[in-house]
């Protein structure tokens, strides 16, 4: 795509050391695509602005622009229109990846979401007003969760396990199959991770990234 559009006669070989579980609703593939765009921009010295990179990213996938922008954002449209949000006070997540994976196209092919709705869960305007973790916990929602949960009851089981063992809130991540639980501190996350650990589950203690590192030059 970039080679044709900018008449580039060079090539490159990209090797990915994958650490984010694939087909888990964690944006691993999209973040790889965004990193590749940023790397190629620097490697080939294209001097593309962030606006141009965001446009190219949107052509690769709806959530790829998010990983160009980074931080906490409200995504609208297909996901390509981003508004930066102030992150609520520091918090941690316990992430469960079950033994099965879910293809994004499969999940989205089965959900029916109205194009217009007065629900704050559709418009997400309430995200701009969240100031506490309690508010954030009550706001967690994922329209794909019920659809995917019909085929994979383990989604609901993982969510209930997190909530019953101390998570302030829980939800499926993206199109699944991973589920996350929200807690206030790292110690609380580590305790929760031990409580929900099962043989066929991968359990991670993670922390939200306030802003992606290495993108400081993309400010125009």
N, C-alpha and C. Protein backbone atom coordinates (compact mmCIF):
# COMPACT_ATOMS: atom_id res chain seq x y z
N UNK A 1 0.83 -1.21 0.00
CA UNK A 1 0.00 0.00 0.00
C UNK A 1 0.87 1.26 0.00
N UNK A 2 1.81 1.35 0.94
CA UNK A 2 2.67 2.53 1.04
C UNK A 2 3.63 2.59 -0.14
N UNK A 3 4.16 1.43 -0.54
CA UNK A 3 5.10 1.40 -1.66
C UNK A 3 4.46 1.94 -2.93
N UNK A 4 3.23 1.52 -3.22
CA UNK A 4 2.56 1.98 -4.43
C UNK A 4 2.21 3.46 -4.33
N UNK A 5 1.66 3.87 -3.18
CA UNK A 5 1.18 5.25 -3.04
C UNK A 5 2.30 6.26 -3.08
N UNK A 6 3.47 5.91 -2.55
CA UNK A 6 4.57 6.85 -2.46
C UNK A 6 5.73 6.48 -3.38
N UNK A 7 5.48 5.53 -4.26
CA UNK A 7 6.48 5.12 -5.26
C UNK A 7 7.79 4.74 -4.59
N UNK A 8 7.70 3.90 -3.58
CA UNK A 8 8.87 3.44 -2.85
C UNK A 8 9.42 2.17 -3.51
N UNK A 9 10.69 2.15 -3.79
CA UNK A 9 11.30 0.99 -4.43
C UNK A 9 12.09 0.13 -3.44
N UNK A 10 12.00 0.50 -2.18
CA UNK A 10 12.70 -0.27 -1.15
C UNK A 10 11.78 -1.34 -0.59
N UNK A 11 12.34 -2.23 0.18
CA UNK A 11 11.57 -3.25 0.86
C UNK A 11 12.08 -3.42 2.28
N UNK A 12 11.41 -4.24 3.06
CA UNK A 12 11.87 -4.51 4.42
C UNK A 12 11.33 -5.86 4.87
N UNK A 13 12.01 -6.45 5.80
CA UNK A 13 11.57 -7.71 6.39
C UNK A 13 11.22 -7.46 7.84
N UNK A 14 10.00 -7.84 8.23
CA UNK A 14 9.52 -7.58 9.58
C UNK A 14 9.36 -8.90 10.32
N UNK A 15 9.99 -8.99 11.47
CA UNK A 15 9.87 -10.18 12.33
C UNK A 15 9.16 -9.78 13.61
N UNK A 16 8.09 -10.48 13.95
CA UNK A 16 7.29 -10.15 15.13
C UNK A 16 7.52 -11.18 16.22
N UNK A 17 7.93 -10.70 17.38
CA UNK A 17 8.06 -11.55 18.57
C UNK A 17 6.77 -11.40 19.37
N UNK A 18 5.81 -12.25 19.08
CA UNK A 18 4.45 -12.09 19.59
C UNK A 18 4.36 -12.46 21.08
N UNK A 19 3.91 -11.50 21.89
CA UNK A 19 3.73 -11.75 23.32
C UNK A 19 2.26 -11.57 23.74
N UNK A 20 1.50 -10.78 22.97
CA UNK A 20 0.08 -10.63 23.25
C UNK A 20 -0.66 -11.82 22.63
N UNK A 21 -1.47 -12.55 23.41
CA UNK A 21 -2.17 -13.72 22.87
C UNK A 21 -3.02 -13.34 21.65
N UNK A 22 -2.92 -14.09 20.55
CA UNK A 22 -3.72 -13.78 19.36
C UNK A 22 -5.16 -14.21 19.51
N UNK A 23 -6.04 -13.59 18.70
CA UNK A 23 -7.48 -13.91 18.69
C UNK A 23 -8.06 -13.87 20.10
N UNK A 24 -7.66 -12.84 20.87
CA UNK A 24 -8.11 -12.73 22.26
C UNK A 24 -8.82 -11.41 22.53
N UNK A 25 -9.03 -10.59 21.49
CA UNK A 25 -9.70 -9.31 21.68
C UNK A 25 -8.83 -8.27 22.33
N UNK A 26 -7.52 -8.38 22.15
CA UNK A 26 -6.58 -7.48 22.81
C UNK A 26 -5.89 -6.52 21.85
N UNK A 27 -6.27 -6.55 20.59
CA UNK A 27 -5.68 -5.62 19.63
C UNK A 27 -4.25 -5.93 19.25
N UNK A 28 -3.83 -7.18 19.41
CA UNK A 28 -2.45 -7.52 19.10
C UNK A 28 -2.09 -7.31 17.64
N UNK A 29 -2.95 -7.78 16.75
CA UNK A 29 -2.69 -7.61 15.32
C UNK A 29 -2.73 -6.16 14.89
N UNK A 30 -3.68 -5.41 15.43
CA UNK A 30 -3.79 -3.99 15.07
C UNK A 30 -2.61 -3.18 15.58
N UNK A 31 -2.14 -3.51 16.78
CA UNK A 31 -0.98 -2.80 17.31
C UNK A 31 0.27 -3.15 16.51
N UNK A 32 0.37 -4.39 16.03
CA UNK A 32 1.48 -4.76 15.16
C UNK A 32 1.45 -3.95 13.87
N UNK A 33 0.25 -3.77 13.30
CA UNK A 33 0.11 -3.00 12.06
C UNK A 33 0.51 -1.55 12.28
N UNK A 34 0.08 -0.97 13.41
CA UNK A 34 0.43 0.41 13.71
C UNK A 34 1.93 0.57 13.90
N UNK A 35 2.54 -0.37 14.60
CA UNK A 35 3.99 -0.31 14.82
C UNK A 35 4.74 -0.43 13.50
N UNK A 36 4.23 -1.26 12.60
CA UNK A 36 4.86 -1.41 11.29
C UNK A 36 4.80 -0.10 10.50
N UNK A 37 3.65 0.57 10.55
CA UNK A 37 3.52 1.85 9.85
C UNK A 37 4.51 2.89 10.39
N UNK A 38 4.58 2.97 11.71
CA UNK A 38 5.48 3.94 12.33
C UNK A 38 6.93 3.60 11.99
N UNK A 39 7.26 2.30 12.05
CA UNK A 39 8.63 1.88 11.75
C UNK A 39 9.03 2.15 10.31
N UNK A 40 8.11 1.86 9.38
CA UNK A 40 8.39 2.10 7.96
C UNK A 40 8.55 3.60 7.68
N UNK A 41 7.74 4.41 8.36
CA UNK A 41 7.84 5.86 8.19
C UNK A 41 9.23 6.35 8.57
N UNK A 42 9.78 5.78 9.63
CA UNK A 42 11.12 6.17 10.08
C UNK A 42 12.21 5.52 9.23
N UNK A 43 12.03 4.23 8.93
CA UNK A 43 13.05 3.49 8.18
C UNK A 43 13.25 4.07 6.79
N UNK A 44 12.16 4.39 6.12
CA UNK A 44 12.24 4.92 4.76
C UNK A 44 12.27 6.44 4.72
N UNK A 45 12.27 7.07 5.91
CA UNK A 45 12.36 8.53 6.03
C UNK A 45 11.29 9.23 5.18
N UNK A 46 10.06 8.76 5.34
CA UNK A 46 8.96 9.33 4.56
C UNK A 46 8.48 10.66 5.12
N UNK A 47 8.74 10.90 6.41
CA UNK A 47 8.33 12.14 7.08
C UNK A 47 6.82 12.37 6.98
N UNK A 48 6.06 11.29 7.10
CA UNK A 48 4.60 11.40 7.08
C UNK A 48 4.11 11.97 8.41
N UNK A 49 3.16 12.88 8.35
CA UNK A 49 2.60 13.45 9.56
C UNK A 49 1.73 12.43 10.28
N UNK A 50 1.41 12.71 11.53
CA UNK A 50 0.52 11.81 12.27
C UNK A 50 -0.84 11.72 11.59
N UNK A 51 -1.33 12.82 11.05
CA UNK A 51 -2.61 12.83 10.36
C UNK A 51 -2.59 11.86 9.17
N UNK A 52 -1.50 11.87 8.41
CA UNK A 52 -1.38 10.98 7.26
C UNK A 52 -1.28 9.53 7.71
N UNK A 53 -0.51 9.29 8.78
CA UNK A 53 -0.39 7.93 9.30
C UNK A 53 -1.74 7.41 9.80
N UNK A 54 -2.51 8.28 10.43
CA UNK A 54 -3.84 7.88 10.91
C UNK A 54 -4.74 7.49 9.75
N UNK A 55 -4.64 8.22 8.65
CA UNK A 55 -5.43 7.89 7.46
C UNK A 55 -5.05 6.55 6.88
N UNK A 56 -3.73 6.28 6.80
CA UNK A 56 -3.27 5.00 6.31
C UNK A 56 -3.68 3.87 7.25
N UNK A 57 -3.61 4.14 8.55
CA UNK A 57 -3.98 3.13 9.55
C UNK A 57 -5.44 2.74 9.43
N UNK A 58 -6.32 3.72 9.18
CA UNK A 58 -7.75 3.45 9.07
C UNK A 58 -8.05 2.54 7.88
N UNK A 59 -7.21 2.59 6.87
CA UNK A 59 -7.40 1.72 5.70
C UNK A 59 -7.00 0.28 6.00
N UNK A 60 -6.16 0.10 7.00
CA UNK A 60 -5.74 -1.24 7.38
C UNK A 60 -6.74 -1.91 8.32
N UNK A 61 -7.35 -1.13 9.19
CA UNK A 61 -8.30 -1.69 10.16
C UNK A 61 -8.89 -0.60 11.02
N UNK A 62 -10.11 -0.81 11.49
CA UNK A 62 -10.82 0.25 12.21
C UNK A 62 -10.15 0.67 13.50
N UNK A 63 -9.46 -0.25 14.18
CA UNK A 63 -8.84 0.11 15.45
C UNK A 63 -7.34 0.36 15.34
N UNK A 64 -6.79 0.30 14.14
CA UNK A 64 -5.35 0.56 13.98
C UNK A 64 -5.00 2.02 14.31
N UNK A 65 -5.85 3.03 13.94
CA UNK A 65 -5.52 4.41 14.31
C UNK A 65 -5.35 4.61 15.81
N UNK A 66 -6.11 3.86 16.62
CA UNK A 66 -5.97 4.00 18.06
C UNK A 66 -4.53 3.74 18.51
N UNK A 67 -3.90 2.76 17.90
CA UNK A 67 -2.53 2.41 18.32
C UNK A 67 -1.49 3.36 17.74
N UNK A 68 -1.87 4.17 16.77
CA UNK A 68 -1.01 5.26 16.32
C UNK A 68 -1.09 6.40 17.33
N UNK A 69 -2.31 6.70 17.75
CA UNK A 69 -2.55 7.82 18.68
C UNK A 69 -2.10 7.49 20.09
N UNK A 70 -2.51 6.31 20.58
CA UNK A 70 -2.14 5.88 21.92
C UNK A 70 -2.92 6.55 23.02
N UNK A 71 -2.65 6.13 24.26
CA UNK A 71 -3.32 6.69 25.41
C UNK A 71 -4.75 6.20 25.55
N UNK A 72 -5.55 6.95 26.31
CA UNK A 72 -6.97 6.64 26.50
C UNK A 72 -7.78 7.51 25.56
N UNK A 73 -8.61 6.89 24.75
CA UNK A 73 -9.34 7.64 23.73
C UNK A 73 -10.77 7.16 23.59
N UNK A 74 -11.64 8.07 23.20
CA UNK A 74 -13.00 7.75 22.78
C UNK A 74 -12.96 7.56 21.28
N UNK A 75 -13.35 6.38 20.81
CA UNK A 75 -13.33 6.07 19.37
C UNK A 75 -14.74 6.14 18.82
N UNK A 76 -14.91 6.85 17.72
CA UNK A 76 -16.22 6.99 17.08
C UNK A 76 -16.09 6.65 15.60
N UNK A 77 -17.23 6.65 14.89
CA UNK A 77 -17.24 6.24 13.50
C UNK A 77 -16.97 4.75 13.42
N UNK A 78 -16.04 4.35 12.60
CA UNK A 78 -15.62 2.94 12.54
C UNK A 78 -14.56 2.64 13.60
N UNK A 79 -14.17 3.69 14.33
CA UNK A 79 -13.07 3.57 15.26
C UNK A 79 -11.92 4.48 14.88
N UNK A 80 -12.08 5.15 13.72
CA UNK A 80 -10.99 5.98 13.21
C UNK A 80 -11.03 7.41 13.74
N UNK A 81 -12.17 7.84 14.31
CA UNK A 81 -12.27 9.19 14.88
C UNK A 81 -12.00 9.10 16.38
N UNK A 82 -10.89 9.71 16.80
CA UNK A 82 -10.43 9.55 18.17
C UNK A 82 -10.43 10.87 18.93
N UNK A 83 -10.87 10.81 20.17
CA UNK A 83 -10.81 11.96 21.08
C UNK A 83 -10.07 11.53 22.33
N UNK A 84 -8.96 12.20 22.64
CA UNK A 84 -8.19 11.83 23.83
C UNK A 84 -8.99 12.11 25.10
N UNK A 85 -8.91 11.18 26.05
CA UNK A 85 -9.61 11.32 27.32
C UNK A 85 -8.61 11.31 28.47
N UNK A 86 -8.98 11.99 29.54
CA UNK A 86 -8.15 11.96 30.74
C UNK A 86 -8.40 10.66 31.47
N UNK A 87 -7.32 9.92 31.75
CA UNK A 87 -7.46 8.64 32.42
C UNK A 87 -7.84 8.85 33.88
N UNK A 88 -8.75 8.04 34.38
CA UNK A 88 -9.14 8.10 35.78
C UNK A 88 -7.94 7.70 36.64
N UNK A 89 -8.02 7.88 37.97
CA UNK A 89 -6.88 7.52 38.83
C UNK A 89 -6.34 6.13 38.53
N UNK A 90 -5.08 5.97 38.82
CA UNK A 90 -4.35 4.75 38.47
C UNK A 90 -5.10 3.50 38.89
N UNK A 91 -5.10 2.48 38.03
CA UNK A 91 -5.73 1.21 38.36
C UNK A 91 -5.01 0.08 37.63
N UNK A 92 -5.37 -1.15 38.01
CA UNK A 92 -4.75 -2.34 37.45
C UNK A 92 -5.83 -3.29 36.94
N UNK A 93 -5.41 -4.23 36.10
CA UNK A 93 -6.34 -5.20 35.52
C UNK A 93 -5.79 -6.60 35.68
N UNK A 94 -6.69 -7.53 35.92
CA UNK A 94 -6.36 -8.95 35.85
C UNK A 94 -7.02 -9.48 34.59
N UNK A 95 -6.22 -10.04 33.70
CA UNK A 95 -6.68 -10.47 32.39
C UNK A 95 -6.64 -11.99 32.31
N UNK A 96 -7.76 -12.60 31.91
CA UNK A 96 -7.82 -14.05 31.74
C UNK A 96 -7.96 -14.38 30.26
N UNK A 97 -7.06 -15.20 29.75
CA UNK A 97 -7.16 -15.72 28.38
C UNK A 97 -7.44 -17.22 28.49
N UNK A 98 -8.64 -17.67 28.06
CA UNK A 98 -8.97 -19.09 28.16
C UNK A 98 -8.25 -19.92 27.11
N UNK A 99 -8.54 -21.22 27.07
CA UNK A 99 -7.84 -22.11 26.16
C UNK A 99 -8.29 -21.93 24.71
N UNK A 100 -9.44 -21.28 24.49
CA UNK A 100 -9.94 -21.10 23.12
C UNK A 100 -9.73 -19.66 22.65
N UNK A 101 -9.71 -19.49 21.32
CA UNK A 101 -9.55 -18.18 20.70
C UNK A 101 -10.78 -17.87 19.85
N UNK A 102 -10.99 -16.60 19.56
CA UNK A 102 -12.16 -16.17 18.78
C UNK A 102 -11.71 -15.24 17.67
N UNK A 103 -12.11 -15.53 16.45
CA UNK A 103 -11.79 -14.67 15.33
C UNK A 103 -12.68 -13.43 15.35
N UNK A 104 -12.08 -12.27 15.15
CA UNK A 104 -12.82 -11.00 15.21
C UNK A 104 -13.96 -10.97 14.20
N UNK A 105 -13.71 -11.42 12.98
CA UNK A 105 -14.74 -11.39 11.94
C UNK A 105 -15.93 -12.26 12.31
N UNK A 106 -15.67 -13.37 12.97
CA UNK A 106 -16.75 -14.26 13.40
C UNK A 106 -17.65 -13.56 14.41
N UNK A 107 -17.05 -12.89 15.40
CA UNK A 107 -17.82 -12.22 16.44
C UNK A 107 -18.65 -11.07 15.87
N UNK A 108 -18.03 -10.22 15.06
CA UNK A 108 -18.75 -9.08 14.51
C UNK A 108 -19.82 -9.50 13.52
N UNK A 109 -19.66 -10.65 12.90
CA UNK A 109 -20.65 -11.14 11.97
C UNK A 109 -21.93 -11.59 12.63
N UNK A 110 -21.91 -11.74 13.96
CA UNK A 110 -23.07 -12.23 14.68
C UNK A 110 -23.75 -11.20 15.56
N UNK A 111 -23.19 -10.02 15.66
CA UNK A 111 -23.79 -8.99 16.51
C UNK A 111 -24.60 -8.03 15.67
N UNK A 112 -25.72 -7.58 16.21
CA UNK A 112 -26.59 -6.61 15.54
C UNK A 112 -26.74 -5.41 16.48
N UNK A 113 -26.08 -4.31 16.13
CA UNK A 113 -26.10 -3.11 16.96
C UNK A 113 -26.85 -2.01 16.21
N UNK A 114 -27.86 -1.38 16.81
CA UNK A 114 -28.58 -0.29 16.14
C UNK A 114 -27.64 0.84 15.78
N UNK A 115 -27.90 1.46 14.63
CA UNK A 115 -27.04 2.57 14.19
C UNK A 115 -27.27 3.82 15.01
N UNK A 116 -28.46 3.99 15.57
CA UNK A 116 -28.75 5.15 16.41
C UNK A 116 -29.36 4.67 17.71
N UNK A 117 -28.98 5.31 18.80
CA UNK A 117 -29.50 4.94 20.11
C UNK A 117 -29.23 6.07 21.09
N UNK A 118 -30.11 6.21 22.08
CA UNK A 118 -29.91 7.22 23.12
C UNK A 118 -29.10 6.67 24.28
N UNK A 119 -28.75 5.39 24.21
CA UNK A 119 -28.02 4.75 25.30
C UNK A 119 -26.61 5.32 25.41
N UNK A 120 -26.17 5.59 26.65
CA UNK A 120 -24.79 6.07 26.83
C UNK A 120 -23.80 4.96 26.51
N UNK A 121 -24.26 3.72 26.52
CA UNK A 121 -23.36 2.63 26.19
C UNK A 121 -23.08 2.57 24.70
N UNK A 122 -23.92 3.20 23.89
CA UNK A 122 -23.66 3.29 22.47
C UNK A 122 -22.88 4.57 22.17
N UNK A 123 -23.36 5.69 22.69
CA UNK A 123 -22.71 6.96 22.41
C UNK A 123 -21.39 7.14 23.16
N UNK A 124 -21.29 6.51 24.35
CA UNK A 124 -20.07 6.56 25.16
C UNK A 124 -19.71 7.96 25.63
N UNK A 125 -20.66 8.89 25.53
CA UNK A 125 -20.36 10.26 25.99
C UNK A 125 -20.03 10.30 27.47
N UNK A 126 -20.58 9.35 28.23
CA UNK A 126 -20.33 9.33 29.66
C UNK A 126 -18.88 9.13 30.02
N UNK A 127 -18.09 8.61 29.12
CA UNK A 127 -16.67 8.40 29.39
C UNK A 127 -15.96 9.70 29.71
N UNK A 128 -16.45 10.79 29.15
CA UNK A 128 -15.80 12.08 29.35
C UNK A 128 -16.00 12.60 30.77
N UNK A 129 -16.99 12.03 31.49
CA UNK A 129 -17.32 12.52 32.82
C UNK A 129 -16.82 11.61 33.94
N UNK A 130 -16.18 10.51 33.61
CA UNK A 130 -15.74 9.56 34.63
C UNK A 130 -14.54 10.10 35.40
N UNK A 131 -14.68 10.13 36.73
CA UNK A 131 -13.62 10.67 37.58
C UNK A 131 -13.09 9.64 38.57
N UNK A 132 -13.86 8.58 38.84
CA UNK A 132 -13.46 7.59 39.83
C UNK A 132 -13.51 6.18 39.24
N UNK A 133 -12.82 5.26 39.91
CA UNK A 133 -12.85 3.86 39.47
C UNK A 133 -14.23 3.26 39.65
N UNK A 134 -14.95 3.72 40.68
CA UNK A 134 -16.30 3.22 40.90
C UNK A 134 -17.20 3.56 39.71
N UNK A 135 -17.06 4.77 39.20
CA UNK A 135 -17.84 5.17 38.02
C UNK A 135 -17.45 4.33 36.81
N UNK A 136 -16.16 4.13 36.63
CA UNK A 136 -15.69 3.36 35.50
C UNK A 136 -16.19 1.92 35.57
N UNK A 137 -16.16 1.33 36.76
CA UNK A 137 -16.60 -0.05 36.94
C UNK A 137 -18.07 -0.21 36.56
N UNK A 138 -18.89 0.77 36.91
CA UNK A 138 -20.31 0.70 36.59
C UNK A 138 -20.61 0.94 35.12
N UNK A 139 -19.64 1.49 34.42
CA UNK A 139 -19.84 1.85 33.01
C UNK A 139 -19.41 0.75 32.05
N UNK A 140 -18.69 -0.25 32.53
CA UNK A 140 -18.16 -1.29 31.66
C UNK A 140 -19.28 -2.02 30.93
N UNK A 141 -19.18 -2.08 29.62
CA UNK A 141 -20.17 -2.79 28.81
C UNK A 141 -19.53 -3.17 27.48
N UNK A 142 -19.98 -4.29 26.92
CA UNK A 142 -19.47 -4.76 25.64
C UNK A 142 -20.61 -5.45 24.90
N UNK A 143 -21.08 -4.85 23.81
CA UNK A 143 -22.21 -5.41 23.07
C UNK A 143 -21.90 -6.77 22.47
N UNK A 144 -20.63 -7.08 22.29
CA UNK A 144 -20.26 -8.37 21.73
C UNK A 144 -20.31 -9.49 22.77
N UNK A 145 -20.34 -9.11 24.03
CA UNK A 145 -20.21 -10.10 25.11
C UNK A 145 -21.36 -11.10 25.12
N UNK A 146 -22.60 -10.62 25.02
CA UNK A 146 -23.75 -11.53 25.05
C UNK A 146 -23.76 -12.45 23.85
N UNK A 147 -23.42 -11.90 22.68
CA UNK A 147 -23.41 -12.70 21.45
C UNK A 147 -22.37 -13.81 21.54
N UNK A 148 -21.14 -13.44 21.90
CA UNK A 148 -20.06 -14.43 22.00
C UNK A 148 -20.35 -15.42 23.13
N UNK A 149 -20.94 -14.90 24.22
CA UNK A 149 -21.24 -15.74 25.37
C UNK A 149 -22.24 -16.84 25.09
N UNK A 150 -23.11 -16.64 24.10
CA UNK A 150 -24.07 -17.68 23.71
C UNK A 150 -23.35 -18.92 23.18
N UNK A 151 -22.26 -18.70 22.49
CA UNK A 151 -21.50 -19.80 21.90
C UNK A 151 -20.40 -20.29 22.85
N UNK A 152 -19.92 -19.39 23.70
CA UNK A 152 -18.84 -19.72 24.62
C UNK A 152 -19.24 -19.31 26.05
N UNK A 153 -19.98 -20.18 26.76
CA UNK A 153 -20.42 -19.86 28.13
C UNK A 153 -19.28 -19.55 29.08
N UNK A 154 -18.07 -19.98 28.74
CA UNK A 154 -16.92 -19.72 29.61
C UNK A 154 -16.68 -18.22 29.78
N UNK A 155 -17.13 -17.41 28.82
CA UNK A 155 -16.96 -15.96 28.94
C UNK A 155 -17.66 -15.46 30.20
N UNK A 156 -18.91 -15.86 30.38
CA UNK A 156 -19.65 -15.47 31.57
C UNK A 156 -19.05 -16.05 32.83
N UNK A 157 -18.54 -17.27 32.75
CA UNK A 157 -17.93 -17.90 33.92
C UNK A 157 -16.68 -17.16 34.36
N UNK A 158 -15.86 -16.75 33.40
CA UNK A 158 -14.65 -16.01 33.74
C UNK A 158 -15.00 -14.65 34.36
N UNK A 159 -16.00 -14.00 33.79
CA UNK A 159 -16.42 -12.71 34.31
C UNK A 159 -16.92 -12.84 35.75
N UNK A 160 -17.78 -13.84 36.00
CA UNK A 160 -18.31 -14.04 37.34
C UNK A 160 -17.22 -14.42 38.33
N UNK A 161 -16.25 -15.19 37.87
CA UNK A 161 -15.13 -15.58 38.72
C UNK A 161 -14.35 -14.35 39.18
N UNK A 162 -14.09 -13.44 38.26
CA UNK A 162 -13.37 -12.22 38.61
C UNK A 162 -14.16 -11.37 39.60
N UNK A 163 -15.44 -11.21 39.34
CA UNK A 163 -16.27 -10.38 40.21
C UNK A 163 -16.42 -10.99 41.61
N UNK A 164 -16.60 -12.29 41.66
CA UNK A 164 -16.80 -12.95 42.95
C UNK A 164 -15.53 -13.01 43.79
N UNK A 165 -14.39 -12.88 43.13
CA UNK A 165 -13.11 -12.95 43.85
C UNK A 165 -12.50 -11.58 44.14
N UNK A 166 -13.24 -10.49 43.81
CA UNK A 166 -12.76 -9.18 44.25
C UNK A 166 -12.64 -8.09 43.20
N UNK A 167 -12.90 -8.37 41.94
CA UNK A 167 -12.81 -7.32 40.92
C UNK A 167 -13.93 -6.30 41.10
N UNK A 168 -13.61 -5.03 40.91
CA UNK A 168 -14.61 -3.96 41.02
C UNK A 168 -15.56 -3.98 39.83
N UNK A 169 -15.09 -4.44 38.71
CA UNK A 169 -15.89 -4.55 37.50
C UNK A 169 -15.20 -5.50 36.56
N UNK A 170 -15.95 -6.06 35.61
CA UNK A 170 -15.34 -7.01 34.67
C UNK A 170 -16.11 -6.98 33.36
N UNK A 171 -15.42 -7.34 32.28
CA UNK A 171 -16.05 -7.38 30.95
C UNK A 171 -15.16 -8.16 30.01
N UNK A 172 -15.76 -8.61 28.91
CA UNK A 172 -14.98 -9.23 27.86
C UNK A 172 -14.19 -8.15 27.13
N UNK A 173 -12.99 -8.46 26.72
CA UNK A 173 -12.16 -7.50 26.01
C UNK A 173 -12.38 -7.64 24.50
N UNK A 174 -12.80 -6.57 23.86
CA UNK A 174 -13.00 -6.57 22.41
C UNK A 174 -13.96 -7.65 21.98
N UNK A 175 -13.56 -8.44 20.99
CA UNK A 175 -14.39 -9.53 20.49
C UNK A 175 -14.09 -10.86 21.17
N UNK A 176 -13.33 -10.82 22.28
CA UNK A 176 -13.01 -12.03 23.01
C UNK A 176 -11.80 -12.73 22.38
N UNK A 177 -11.27 -13.73 23.06
CA UNK A 177 -11.91 -14.48 24.11
C UNK A 177 -11.48 -14.08 25.53
N UNK A 178 -10.64 -13.08 25.69
CA UNK A 178 -10.16 -12.72 27.01
C UNK A 178 -11.17 -11.88 27.76
N UNK A 179 -11.10 -11.96 29.09
CA UNK A 179 -11.97 -11.20 29.99
C UNK A 179 -11.08 -10.51 31.01
N UNK A 180 -11.40 -9.28 31.37
CA UNK A 180 -10.57 -8.55 32.33
C UNK A 180 -11.40 -8.13 33.56
N UNK A 181 -10.70 -8.00 34.68
CA UNK A 181 -11.30 -7.49 35.90
C UNK A 181 -10.51 -6.29 36.38
N UNK A 182 -11.20 -5.29 36.88
CA UNK A 182 -10.58 -4.02 37.28
C UNK A 182 -10.40 -3.97 38.80
N UNK A 183 -9.21 -3.58 39.26
CA UNK A 183 -8.92 -3.41 40.69
C UNK A 183 -8.10 -2.13 40.88
N UNK A 184 -7.96 -1.71 42.14
CA UNK A 184 -7.32 -0.42 42.40
C UNK A 184 -5.80 -0.47 42.42
N UNK A 185 -5.22 -1.53 42.96
CA UNK A 185 -3.77 -1.55 43.17
C UNK A 185 -3.11 -2.79 42.59
N UNK A 186 -1.81 -2.74 42.45
CA UNK A 186 -1.06 -3.88 41.94
C UNK A 186 -1.17 -5.07 42.90
N UNK A 187 -1.10 -4.80 44.21
CA UNK A 187 -1.22 -5.88 45.19
C UNK A 187 -2.58 -6.56 45.09
N UNK A 188 -3.62 -5.76 44.91
CA UNK A 188 -4.96 -6.33 44.77
C UNK A 188 -5.05 -7.17 43.50
N UNK A 189 -4.40 -6.71 42.44
CA UNK A 189 -4.41 -7.45 41.18
C UNK A 189 -3.67 -8.78 41.33
N UNK A 190 -2.54 -8.76 42.03
CA UNK A 190 -1.77 -9.98 42.22
C UNK A 190 -2.54 -10.99 43.07
N UNK A 191 -3.26 -10.50 44.09
CA UNK A 191 -4.08 -11.40 44.91
C UNK A 191 -5.21 -12.01 44.09
N UNK A 192 -5.85 -11.17 43.29
CA UNK A 192 -6.96 -11.64 42.45
C UNK A 192 -6.47 -12.66 41.43
N UNK A 193 -5.31 -12.41 40.84
CA UNK A 193 -4.76 -13.33 39.84
C UNK A 193 -4.54 -14.72 40.43
N UNK A 194 -4.08 -14.79 41.67
CA UNK A 194 -3.88 -16.08 42.32
C UNK A 194 -5.20 -16.78 42.59
N UNK A 195 -6.23 -16.01 42.92
CA UNK A 195 -7.53 -16.59 43.25
C UNK A 195 -8.25 -17.17 42.04
N UNK A 196 -8.01 -16.59 40.87
CA UNK A 196 -8.75 -17.04 39.68
C UNK A 196 -7.91 -17.95 38.78
N UNK A 197 -6.73 -18.30 39.21
CA UNK A 197 -5.82 -19.09 38.38
C UNK A 197 -6.32 -20.52 38.22
N UNK A 198 -6.51 -20.95 36.98
CA UNK A 198 -6.93 -22.31 36.68
C UNK A 198 -5.99 -22.92 35.63
N UNK A 199 -6.05 -24.24 35.54
CA UNK A 199 -5.09 -24.96 34.70
C UNK A 199 -5.13 -24.51 33.24
N UNK A 200 -6.31 -24.28 32.67
CA UNK A 200 -6.43 -23.96 31.25
C UNK A 200 -6.53 -22.46 30.97
N UNK A 201 -6.31 -21.65 32.00
CA UNK A 201 -6.38 -20.20 31.82
C UNK A 201 -4.98 -19.59 31.89
N UNK A 202 -4.72 -18.65 31.00
CA UNK A 202 -3.55 -17.78 31.14
C UNK A 202 -4.01 -16.54 31.90
N UNK A 203 -3.35 -16.23 32.98
CA UNK A 203 -3.75 -15.09 33.81
C UNK A 203 -2.62 -14.07 33.85
N UNK A 204 -2.96 -12.81 33.53
CA UNK A 204 -1.96 -11.74 33.49
C UNK A 204 -2.37 -10.60 34.41
N UNK A 205 -1.39 -10.00 35.05
CA UNK A 205 -1.59 -8.74 35.79
C UNK A 205 -1.03 -7.63 34.92
N UNK A 206 -1.89 -6.69 34.54
CA UNK A 206 -1.48 -5.65 33.60
C UNK A 206 -1.94 -4.27 34.08
N UNK A 207 -1.35 -3.26 33.48
CA UNK A 207 -1.64 -1.87 33.85
C UNK A 207 -1.90 -1.05 32.58
N UNK A 208 -2.93 -0.24 32.57
CA UNK A 208 -3.21 0.59 31.37
C UNK A 208 -2.05 1.53 31.06
N UNK A 209 -1.83 1.77 29.80
CA UNK A 209 -0.79 2.69 29.34
C UNK A 209 -1.42 4.06 29.16
N UNK A 210 -0.90 5.04 29.85
CA UNK A 210 -1.47 6.38 29.74
C UNK A 210 -1.18 7.00 28.38
N UNK A 211 -0.01 6.71 27.84
CA UNK A 211 0.37 7.27 26.54
C UNK A 211 1.40 6.37 25.91
N UNK A 212 1.26 6.06 24.63
CA UNK A 212 2.23 5.20 23.97
C UNK A 212 3.60 5.87 23.91
N UNK A 213 4.62 5.12 24.23
CA UNK A 213 5.98 5.65 24.18
C UNK A 213 6.49 5.62 22.74
N UNK A 214 7.42 6.50 22.43
CA UNK A 214 8.07 6.46 21.13
C UNK A 214 7.33 7.19 20.02
N UNK A 215 6.21 7.87 20.33
CA UNK A 215 5.47 8.57 19.31
C UNK A 215 5.57 10.08 19.47
N UNK A 216 6.53 10.48 20.29
CA UNK A 216 6.64 11.91 20.58
C UNK A 216 6.83 12.78 19.35
N UNK A 217 7.46 12.22 18.30
CA UNK A 217 7.71 13.00 17.09
C UNK A 217 6.49 13.13 16.19
N UNK A 218 5.45 12.38 16.48
CA UNK A 218 4.25 12.41 15.64
C UNK A 218 3.24 13.41 16.22
N UNK A 219 3.55 14.66 16.21
CA UNK A 219 2.69 15.64 16.86
C UNK A 219 2.17 16.69 15.88
N UNK A 220 2.14 16.37 14.61
CA UNK A 220 1.65 17.35 13.65
C UNK A 220 0.83 16.66 12.56
